[in-house]
N, C-alpha and C. Protein backbone atom coordinates (compact mmCIF):
# COMPACT_ATOMS: atom_id res chain seq x y z
N MET A 1 2.91 7.70 14.01
CA MET A 1 3.19 8.16 12.68
C MET A 1 3.14 6.25 11.86
N ARG A 2 3.26 5.04 12.28
CA ARG A 2 3.28 4.16 11.79
C ARG A 2 1.87 3.69 11.06
N GLN A 3 0.97 4.33 12.03
CA GLN A 3 -0.47 4.07 11.35
C GLN A 3 -0.43 5.07 9.98
N ALA A 4 0.18 6.09 9.99
CA ALA A 4 -0.17 6.78 8.76
C ALA A 4 0.59 7.06 7.63
N VAL A 5 1.56 5.57 8.02
CA VAL A 5 2.43 5.07 6.37
C VAL A 5 1.74 4.51 6.05
N TRP A 6 0.54 3.24 6.91
CA TRP A 6 0.09 1.98 6.19
C TRP A 6 -1.01 2.82 5.96
N LEU A 7 -1.52 3.88 6.02
CA LEU A 7 -2.85 4.60 5.36
C LEU A 7 -2.36 4.88 4.30
N VAL A 8 -1.37 5.79 3.88
CA VAL A 8 -0.79 5.94 2.89
C VAL A 8 -0.72 5.10 1.81
N PHE A 9 -0.04 4.25 2.78
CA PHE A 9 0.23 2.51 1.13
C PHE A 9 -0.78 2.38 1.38
N GLY A 10 -2.17 1.95 1.95
CA GLY A 10 -2.85 1.63 1.42
C GLY A 10 -4.35 2.50 0.36
N LEU A 11 -4.00 3.68 0.50
CA LEU A 11 -4.74 4.34 -0.14
C LEU A 11 -4.16 4.13 -1.58
N ILE A 12 -2.91 4.71 -1.54
CA ILE A 12 -2.07 4.33 -3.32
C ILE A 12 -2.23 3.18 -3.72
N LEU A 13 -2.65 2.00 -3.45
CA LEU A 13 -3.14 0.93 -3.80
C LEU A 13 -4.30 0.68 -4.30
N LEU A 14 -5.12 1.27 -3.02
CA LEU A 14 -6.66 1.52 -3.39
C LEU A 14 -6.76 2.34 -4.75
N ALA A 15 -5.90 3.25 -4.94
CA ALA A 15 -6.04 4.22 -6.23
C ALA A 15 -5.73 3.69 -7.25
N LEU A 16 -4.54 2.70 -7.62
CA LEU A 16 -3.78 2.50 -8.35
C LEU A 16 -5.13 1.00 -8.98
N GLY A 17 -5.16 0.08 -8.07
CA GLY A 17 -5.74 -0.56 -8.12
C GLY A 17 -7.08 -0.40 -9.14
N ALA A 18 -7.85 0.61 -8.27
CA ALA A 18 -9.03 0.87 -9.11
C ALA A 18 -8.71 1.61 -10.52
N GLN A 19 -7.76 2.73 -10.73
CA GLN A 19 -7.47 3.19 -12.21
C GLN A 19 -7.30 1.92 -12.75
N GLY A 20 -6.12 0.74 -12.45
CA GLY A 20 -6.49 -0.45 -13.32
C GLY A 20 -7.24 -0.99 -13.98
N VAL A 21 -8.12 -1.17 -13.11
CA VAL A 21 -9.20 -1.51 -13.24
C VAL A 21 -10.28 -0.96 -14.36
N ILE A 22 -10.26 0.25 -13.94
CA ILE A 22 -11.16 1.38 -14.84
C ILE A 22 -10.60 1.25 -16.45
N ARG A 23 -9.23 1.11 -16.41
CA ARG A 23 -8.27 1.80 -17.64
C ARG A 23 -8.63 0.13 -18.59
N LEU A 24 -8.42 -0.95 -17.48
CA LEU A 24 -8.71 -2.32 -18.62
C LEU A 24 -10.16 -2.40 -18.94
N VAL A 25 -10.83 -2.16 -18.23
CA VAL A 25 -12.58 -2.24 -18.42
C VAL A 25 -12.71 -1.28 -19.88
N VAL A 26 -12.49 -0.23 -19.49
CA VAL A 26 -12.67 1.08 -20.82
C VAL A 26 -11.93 0.52 -22.34
N ASN A 27 -10.67 0.50 -21.89
CA ASN A 27 -9.47 0.77 -23.03
C ASN A 27 -8.88 -0.56 -23.63
N GLN A 28 -9.00 -2.01 -22.46
CA GLN A 28 -8.63 -2.81 -22.72
C GLN A 28 -7.06 -2.89 -22.70
N ASP A 29 -6.45 -1.72 -22.00
CA ASP A 29 -5.12 -1.61 -21.83
C ASP A 29 -4.58 -2.14 -20.52
N ALA A 30 -3.69 -2.91 -20.05
CA ALA A 30 -2.93 -3.57 -18.78
C ALA A 30 -2.93 -3.06 -18.25
N GLY A 31 -1.77 -1.95 -18.58
CA GLY A 31 -1.74 -0.94 -17.72
C GLY A 31 -0.08 -1.65 -17.21
N ALA A 32 0.11 -1.44 -16.00
CA ALA A 32 1.23 -1.71 -15.06
C ALA A 32 1.18 -3.37 -15.01
N LEU A 33 0.58 -4.14 -15.66
CA LEU A 33 0.33 -5.60 -15.34
C LEU A 33 0.13 -6.05 -16.52
N ARG A 34 0.60 -5.73 -17.58
CA ARG A 34 0.94 -5.75 -18.65
C ARG A 34 1.60 -7.45 -18.73
N TRP A 35 3.13 -7.54 -17.75
CA TRP A 35 3.60 -8.51 -17.92
C TRP A 35 2.64 -9.57 -17.54
N LEU A 36 1.73 -9.64 -17.10
CA LEU A 36 1.39 -10.55 -15.93
C LEU A 36 0.66 -11.68 -17.18
N PRO A 37 1.20 -13.20 -17.18
CA PRO A 37 0.43 -14.18 -18.43
C PRO A 37 -0.88 -14.29 -17.64
N GLY A 38 -1.94 -15.04 -18.33
CA GLY A 38 -3.06 -15.41 -18.34
C GLY A 38 -4.09 -14.82 -18.74
N GLY A 39 -3.58 -13.43 -19.37
CA GLY A 39 -5.05 -12.80 -20.40
C GLY A 39 -5.60 -11.64 -19.35
N TYR A 40 -6.74 -11.45 -19.86
CA TYR A 40 -7.80 -10.63 -19.51
C TYR A 40 -8.13 -10.63 -17.90
N PHE A 41 -8.73 -11.73 -18.01
CA PHE A 41 -9.39 -12.15 -16.61
C PHE A 41 -8.48 -12.20 -15.71
N VAL A 42 -7.22 -12.60 -15.64
CA VAL A 42 -6.02 -13.02 -14.79
C VAL A 42 -6.05 -11.25 -14.20
N GLN A 43 -5.70 -10.49 -15.66
CA GLN A 43 -5.45 -8.95 -14.65
C GLN A 43 -6.36 -8.20 -14.03
N LEU A 44 -7.11 -8.48 -14.33
CA LEU A 44 -8.19 -8.05 -14.03
C LEU A 44 -8.14 -8.12 -12.38
N GLY A 45 -8.37 -9.09 -12.32
CA GLY A 45 -8.20 -10.07 -11.16
C GLY A 45 -7.42 -9.49 -10.08
N ALA A 46 -6.22 -9.17 -10.57
CA ALA A 46 -5.03 -9.02 -10.40
C ALA A 46 -5.62 -7.00 -9.78
N TYR A 47 -6.03 -6.49 -10.48
CA TYR A 47 -6.65 -5.57 -10.12
C TYR A 47 -7.06 -5.00 -9.06
N VAL A 48 -8.13 -5.52 -9.09
CA VAL A 48 -9.44 -6.08 -8.08
C VAL A 48 -8.47 -6.53 -6.84
N ALA A 49 -7.95 -7.12 -6.87
CA ALA A 49 -7.34 -7.76 -5.39
C ALA A 49 -6.38 -6.52 -4.97
N ALA A 50 -5.93 -5.67 -5.65
CA ALA A 50 -4.42 -4.76 -5.34
C ALA A 50 -5.95 -3.53 -4.83
N ALA A 51 -7.15 -3.72 -5.15
CA ALA A 51 -7.56 -2.57 -4.61
C ALA A 51 -8.03 -2.45 -3.49
N LEU A 52 -8.73 -4.12 -3.07
CA LEU A 52 -9.46 -4.39 -2.01
C LEU A 52 -8.61 -4.86 -0.70
N ILE A 53 -6.78 -4.84 -1.00
CA ILE A 53 -6.19 -4.66 -0.05
C ILE A 53 -6.11 -3.97 0.20
N GLY A 54 -6.08 -2.77 -0.98
CA GLY A 54 -5.73 -1.44 -0.39
C GLY A 54 -6.53 -0.79 0.14
N LEU A 55 -7.89 -1.33 0.04
CA LEU A 55 -8.73 -0.91 1.01
C LEU A 55 -8.49 -1.45 2.22
N ARG A 56 -8.63 -2.58 2.74
CA ARG A 56 -8.00 -3.08 3.75
C ARG A 56 -7.59 -2.84 4.67
N VAL A 57 -6.36 -2.41 4.31
CA VAL A 57 -5.30 -2.13 4.66
C VAL A 57 -5.19 -0.05 5.33
N ALA A 58 -5.93 0.27 4.13
CA ALA A 58 -6.56 1.85 4.73
C ALA A 58 -7.57 1.83 6.02
N LYS A 59 -8.12 0.88 5.49
CA LYS A 59 -9.50 0.94 6.84
C LYS A 59 -9.07 0.57 7.87
N HIS A 60 -8.00 -0.70 8.41
CA HIS A 60 -7.72 -1.10 9.35
C HIS A 60 -6.29 0.11 10.22
N ASN A 61 -5.69 0.86 9.28
CA ASN A 61 -4.83 1.63 9.52
C ASN A 61 -4.88 3.04 9.71
N ARG A 62 -6.44 3.16 9.42
CA ARG A 62 -6.93 4.80 10.09
C ARG A 62 -6.56 5.54 11.33
N VAL A 63 -5.84 6.60 11.04
CA VAL A 63 -5.54 7.66 12.40
C VAL A 63 -6.57 7.83 13.11
N ARG A 64 -6.37 7.27 14.36
CA ARG A 64 -7.43 7.78 15.33
C ARG A 64 -7.22 8.94 16.17
N PRO A 65 -7.89 9.51 16.36
CA PRO A 65 -7.50 10.91 17.47
C PRO A 65 -6.95 9.91 19.10
N ASP A 66 -6.14 11.11 19.41
CA ASP A 66 -5.73 10.22 21.18
C ASP A 66 -7.06 9.97 22.23
N PRO A 67 -7.74 9.65 22.91
CA PRO A 67 -8.35 9.65 23.42
C PRO A 67 -8.22 10.60 25.10
N HIS A 68 -6.57 10.23 25.05
CA HIS A 68 -6.30 10.99 26.34
C HIS A 68 -5.92 12.49 26.32
N LYS A 69 -5.90 12.68 24.88
CA LYS A 69 -5.84 14.32 24.98
C LYS A 69 -6.77 14.98 24.57
N HIS A 70 -7.37 16.12 25.74
CA HIS A 70 -8.51 17.06 25.58
C HIS A 70 -8.26 18.29 24.99
N PRO A 71 -9.27 18.65 23.99
CA PRO A 71 -9.30 20.01 23.50
C PRO A 71 -9.11 21.09 24.46
């Protein structure tokens, strides 16, 4: 159960980070990170970092089938 919660958290973080990068590159709208000081490149880096962290969390906590359970 715990792995599923971390998997969902990672996928949400990945989706928000990727959506933020696309929004920032296409529309120059910072979205949720508008409050972050430093300008365009700092906001872009924060979105990329969020997407990469989300990818890592989701990949590390993927739900694996139980090897002891036979179909």
